[in-house]
Amino acid sequence: MASQILVIVSFLAISCSLAAAGIEPGPLQDFCVADPTSSACLDPKLVKPDNFFSGGFHVPGNTSNPSGSSVTSASVAQIPGLNTLGLTLIRFDFAHGGLVTPHIHPRASEILTVLEGSLLVGFVSSSPENRLFSKVLEQGDVFVFPIGLAHFLSNAGNGTAAAIASLNSQNPGFIAIPSNIFGTNPPIGDDVLAKAYNVDKSIVEKLRAQFHS
C-alpha cells in the first residue's frame, strides 16, 4: 500500500512539474487539415499533399504603396495543413526606404531571417522601462521579437531588401499601432488623444485624417 501511495505521489509531482513548465499534451491525431466548409477537420481520407503546400515564396511582393513594403503570408488560410500546428510563415519585401510600421502580435513571438539587403529592426520592452532593442541586420542575420511587444522593420540599405519570419501561432494577430490609435471606428475622442500625447487637438485631427480618407 505504501509503495502504491509513493507511485501516485511521484506521478502527481511529475504532472505538476510538466504543467509548471508549460508542456502541453501531445496531439491525439497526426494532423487536422482545416475544412473550409466546416469548423471540423477534413476527413483524413480526403487529405492530399497539396494541403501541406504553398508555392510562390520566391516571388517578391508588390512594394508600390505608401509604406514601401509588402507582406506575403503562408498561414492556415493558404496551407490548410497548418491548422492546429501553431505556425505562420511571412515574407517581407522592402523598396528603398520601405517600412513595416510599428505593430504588435498579441499571440505570437517572431523569428526573422534577412534574405537580402539591410534591415533596421527593433522592439520595445513594456513600461516603465520602454527600452528599445534595435539592430541593423545584414543578409543571413537572425533576430527575435518577443510575443506581445511593439516592433518594427525598416529598409536600412540603398537597394531593396527581403526577409522571412516564422511566428509560433496559426493566428498571431496584427495590431498596427498608428492606425490602432488614430484609425479607430468610431474615433477615440480628441480630448483623450490630445491629453495622452500632450499635443494640441489640431494635431490629433491631422493625424486622424491620415487614416480616415
Protein backbone atom coordinates (compact mmCIF):
# COMPACT_ATOMS: atom_id res chain seq x y z
CA MET A 1 0.00 0.00 0.00
CA ALA A 2 2.83 2.37 0.91
CA SER A 3 4.54 1.68 -2.42
CA GLN A 4 1.31 2.43 -4.31
CA ILE A 5 0.95 5.74 -2.48
CA LEU A 6 4.57 6.57 -3.32
CA VAL A 7 3.93 5.87 -7.03
CA ILE A 8 0.81 8.07 -7.02
CA VAL A 9 2.62 10.92 -5.26
CA SER A 10 5.53 10.66 -7.70
CA PHE A 11 3.16 10.72 -10.68
CA LEU A 12 1.38 13.81 -9.33
CA ALA A 13 4.70 15.54 -8.73
CA ILE A 14 5.84 14.84 -12.30
CA SER A 15 2.48 16.04 -13.69
CA CYS A 16 2.69 19.27 -11.71
CA SER A 17 6.26 19.83 -12.89
CA LEU A 18 5.24 19.36 -16.53
CA ALA A 19 2.30 21.72 -16.11
CA ALA A 20 4.51 24.35 -14.49
CA ALA A 21 6.95 24.06 -17.37
CA GLY A 22 4.15 24.78 -19.81
CA ILE A 23 4.38 21.40 -21.57
CA GLU A 24 1.11 20.59 -23.29
CA PRO A 25 -0.21 17.12 -24.05
CA GLY A 26 0.67 15.76 -27.47
CA PRO A 27 -1.93 15.81 -30.27
CA LEU A 28 -4.38 12.94 -30.49
CA GLN A 29 -4.03 12.71 -34.27
CA ASP A 30 -1.35 13.16 -36.91
CA PHE A 31 -2.91 16.31 -38.37
CA CYS A 32 -6.11 18.32 -38.56
CA VAL A 33 -6.33 19.84 -42.01
CA ALA A 34 -8.74 22.79 -41.99
CA ASP A 35 -12.03 22.09 -43.74
CA PRO A 36 -13.25 25.29 -45.45
CA THR A 37 -16.84 24.07 -45.31
CA SER A 38 -16.96 23.49 -41.54
CA SER A 39 -15.14 24.01 -38.25
CA ALA A 40 -14.12 20.34 -38.13
CA CYS A 41 -11.02 18.69 -39.54
CA LEU A 42 -11.06 17.49 -43.11
CA ASP A 43 -11.64 13.74 -43.40
CA PRO A 44 -8.10 12.24 -43.33
CA LYS A 45 -9.04 10.08 -46.31
CA LEU A 46 -9.54 13.25 -48.38
CA VAL A 47 -6.26 14.90 -47.35
CA LYS A 48 -3.72 15.41 -50.15
CA PRO A 49 -0.07 16.58 -50.26
CA ASP A 50 -1.22 19.96 -51.60
CA ASN A 51 -2.98 20.56 -48.25
CA PHE A 52 0.52 20.98 -46.77
CA PHE A 53 1.97 23.05 -49.62
CA SER A 54 2.14 26.64 -50.82
CA GLY A 55 4.27 27.99 -53.65
CA GLY A 56 5.47 31.39 -54.75
CA PHE A 57 7.50 32.49 -51.74
CA HIS A 58 10.44 33.20 -54.06
CA VAL A 59 8.44 35.94 -55.79
CA PRO A 60 8.91 39.45 -54.33
CA GLY A 61 5.73 41.20 -53.18
CA ASN A 62 4.42 44.47 -54.56
CA THR A 63 6.02 47.37 -52.68
CA SER A 64 4.35 50.14 -54.72
CA ASN A 65 2.44 51.60 -51.78
CA PRO A 66 2.95 54.42 -49.25
CA SER A 67 4.84 52.18 -46.80
CA GLY A 68 7.15 50.80 -49.50
CA SER A 69 6.76 47.27 -48.17
CA SER A 70 4.73 44.13 -48.68
CA VAL A 71 3.79 41.17 -46.52
CA THR A 72 3.13 37.72 -48.01
CA SER A 73 1.69 35.13 -45.63
CA ALA A 74 1.75 31.36 -45.55
CA SER A 75 -0.83 30.72 -42.85
CA VAL A 76 -3.65 28.25 -42.39
CA ALA A 77 -5.60 30.27 -44.96
CA GLN A 78 -3.03 29.34 -47.62
CA ILE A 79 -1.89 25.99 -46.17
CA PRO A 80 -4.83 24.15 -44.55
CA GLY A 81 -2.43 21.56 -43.13
CA LEU A 82 -1.06 24.20 -40.73
CA ASN A 83 -4.30 24.02 -38.76
CA THR A 84 -3.63 23.33 -35.04
CA LEU A 85 0.16 23.28 -35.58
CA GLY A 86 0.72 26.80 -34.25
CA LEU A 87 2.82 28.13 -37.12
CA THR A 88 2.72 31.01 -39.59
CA LEU A 89 5.36 31.99 -42.16
CA ILE A 90 5.72 35.51 -43.56
CA ARG A 91 7.79 37.04 -46.35
CA PHE A 92 8.63 40.74 -46.17
CA ASP A 93 9.75 42.79 -49.16
CA PHE A 94 11.00 46.37 -48.99
CA ALA A 95 11.56 49.08 -51.56
CA HIS A 96 14.26 51.65 -50.82
CA GLY A 97 13.19 53.35 -47.58
CA GLY A 98 10.38 50.83 -47.05
CA LEU A 99 8.87 50.29 -43.60
CA VAL A 100 6.71 47.78 -41.77
CA THR A 101 5.03 50.11 -39.30
CA PRO A 102 5.41 49.57 -35.53
CA HIS A 103 3.00 46.80 -34.61
CA ILE A 104 2.20 44.04 -32.14
CA HIS A 105 1.45 40.32 -32.49
CA PRO A 106 -0.65 39.63 -29.37
CA ARG A 107 -0.48 35.86 -29.74
CA ALA A 108 2.98 35.04 -31.11
CA SER A 109 6.71 35.53 -30.90
CA GLU A 110 8.54 36.04 -34.20
CA ILE A 111 11.93 34.97 -35.52
CA LEU A 112 13.20 36.83 -38.58
CA THR A 113 15.91 35.97 -41.13
CA VAL A 114 17.18 38.52 -43.66
CA LEU A 115 17.28 37.16 -47.22
CA GLU A 116 18.83 40.19 -48.89
CA GLY A 117 19.67 43.80 -48.17
CA SER A 118 19.94 45.53 -44.79
CA LEU A 119 17.15 45.98 -42.25
CA LEU A 120 16.92 48.18 -39.19
CA VAL A 121 14.72 46.27 -36.75
CA GLY A 122 13.76 46.74 -33.14
CA PHE A 123 11.29 46.10 -30.35
CA VAL A 124 10.36 48.00 -27.20
CA SER A 125 10.03 46.45 -23.75
CA SER A 126 6.99 47.10 -21.61
CA SER A 127 6.53 50.06 -19.26
CA PRO A 128 8.02 51.60 -17.24
CA GLU A 129 11.38 50.88 -18.90
CA ASN A 130 10.20 51.24 -22.53
CA ARG A 131 13.66 50.09 -23.56
CA LEU A 132 14.45 49.93 -27.27
CA PHE A 133 16.31 46.85 -28.52
CA SER A 134 17.41 47.70 -32.04
CA LYS A 135 19.96 46.40 -34.54
CA VAL A 136 20.88 46.68 -38.21
CA LEU A 137 20.70 43.23 -39.81
CA GLU A 138 22.50 42.03 -42.91
CA GLN A 139 21.88 39.05 -45.18
CA GLY A 140 21.71 35.84 -43.15
CA ASP A 141 21.25 37.57 -39.79
CA VAL A 142 18.50 36.42 -37.43
CA PHE A 143 16.51 38.47 -34.90
CA VAL A 144 13.74 37.59 -32.44
CA PHE A 145 10.70 39.69 -31.47
CA PRO A 146 9.14 38.51 -28.17
CA ILE A 147 5.41 37.95 -28.01
CA GLY A 148 3.20 41.00 -27.46
CA LEU A 149 5.94 43.66 -27.76
CA ALA A 150 5.81 46.54 -30.24
CA HIS A 151 8.33 46.12 -33.05
CA PHE A 152 9.21 47.45 -36.49
CA LEU A 153 11.25 46.70 -39.62
CA SER A 154 12.80 49.31 -41.92
CA ASN A 155 14.98 49.09 -45.02
CA ALA A 156 18.36 50.47 -43.97
CA GLY A 157 20.16 49.86 -47.26
CA ASN A 158 20.47 51.62 -50.61
CA GLY A 159 18.53 48.98 -52.55
CA THR A 160 15.69 46.57 -51.96
CA ALA A 161 15.50 44.14 -49.06
CA ALA A 162 13.67 40.94 -48.17
CA ALA A 163 13.21 38.74 -45.13
CA ILE A 164 11.29 35.71 -43.93
CA ALA A 165 9.79 35.34 -40.47
CA SER A 166 8.17 32.49 -38.59
CA LEU A 167 5.58 33.02 -35.85
CA ASN A 168 4.55 30.41 -33.31
CA SER A 169 0.80 30.78 -33.81
CA GLN A 170 -1.55 29.99 -36.66
CA ASN A 171 -3.35 33.24 -35.77
CA PRO A 172 -0.70 35.63 -34.38
CA GLY A 173 -2.80 38.76 -34.82
CA PHE A 174 -1.58 42.11 -36.14
CA ILE A 175 -2.12 45.43 -34.37
CA ALA A 176 -0.64 48.35 -36.32
CA ILE A 177 -0.05 50.94 -33.61
CA PRO A 178 -0.66 54.17 -35.60
CA SER A 179 -3.95 53.03 -37.15
CA ASN A 180 -4.97 51.27 -33.94
CA ILE A 181 -4.89 54.67 -32.20
CA PHE A 182 -5.85 57.16 -34.91
CA GLY A 183 -7.86 54.95 -37.26
CA THR A 184 -10.50 53.58 -34.89
CA ASN A 185 -14.18 53.46 -35.78
CA PRO A 186 -15.74 55.33 -34.07
CA PRO A 187 -12.79 57.65 -33.36
CA ILE A 188 -11.21 57.97 -29.93
CA GLY A 189 -12.10 61.42 -28.59
CA ASP A 190 -9.82 64.34 -29.42
CA ASP A 191 -9.60 65.24 -25.74
CA VAL A 192 -8.33 61.77 -24.86
CA LEU A 193 -5.64 61.66 -27.54
CA ALA A 194 -4.58 65.28 -27.09
CA LYS A 195 -4.01 64.66 -23.39
CA ALA A 196 -2.39 61.26 -23.93
CA TYR A 197 0.15 62.64 -26.42
CA ASN A 198 0.40 66.12 -24.85
CA VAL A 199 -0.40 67.85 -28.14
CA ASP A 200 -3.00 70.27 -29.47
CA LYS A 201 -6.28 68.88 -30.77
CA SER A 202 -5.44 70.21 -34.23
CA ILE A 203 -2.52 67.80 -34.41
CA VAL A 204 -4.77 64.92 -33.41
CA GLU A 205 -7.16 65.86 -36.20
CA LYS A 206 -4.33 65.96 -38.75
CA LEU A 207 -3.06 62.55 -37.67
CA ARG A 208 -6.55 61.04 -37.70
CA ALA A 209 -7.11 62.38 -41.21
CA GLN A 210 -4.28 60.15 -42.45
CA PHE A 211 -6.37 57.08 -41.55
CA HIS A 212 -9.86 58.35 -42.38
CA SER A 213 -9.69 59.36 -46.03
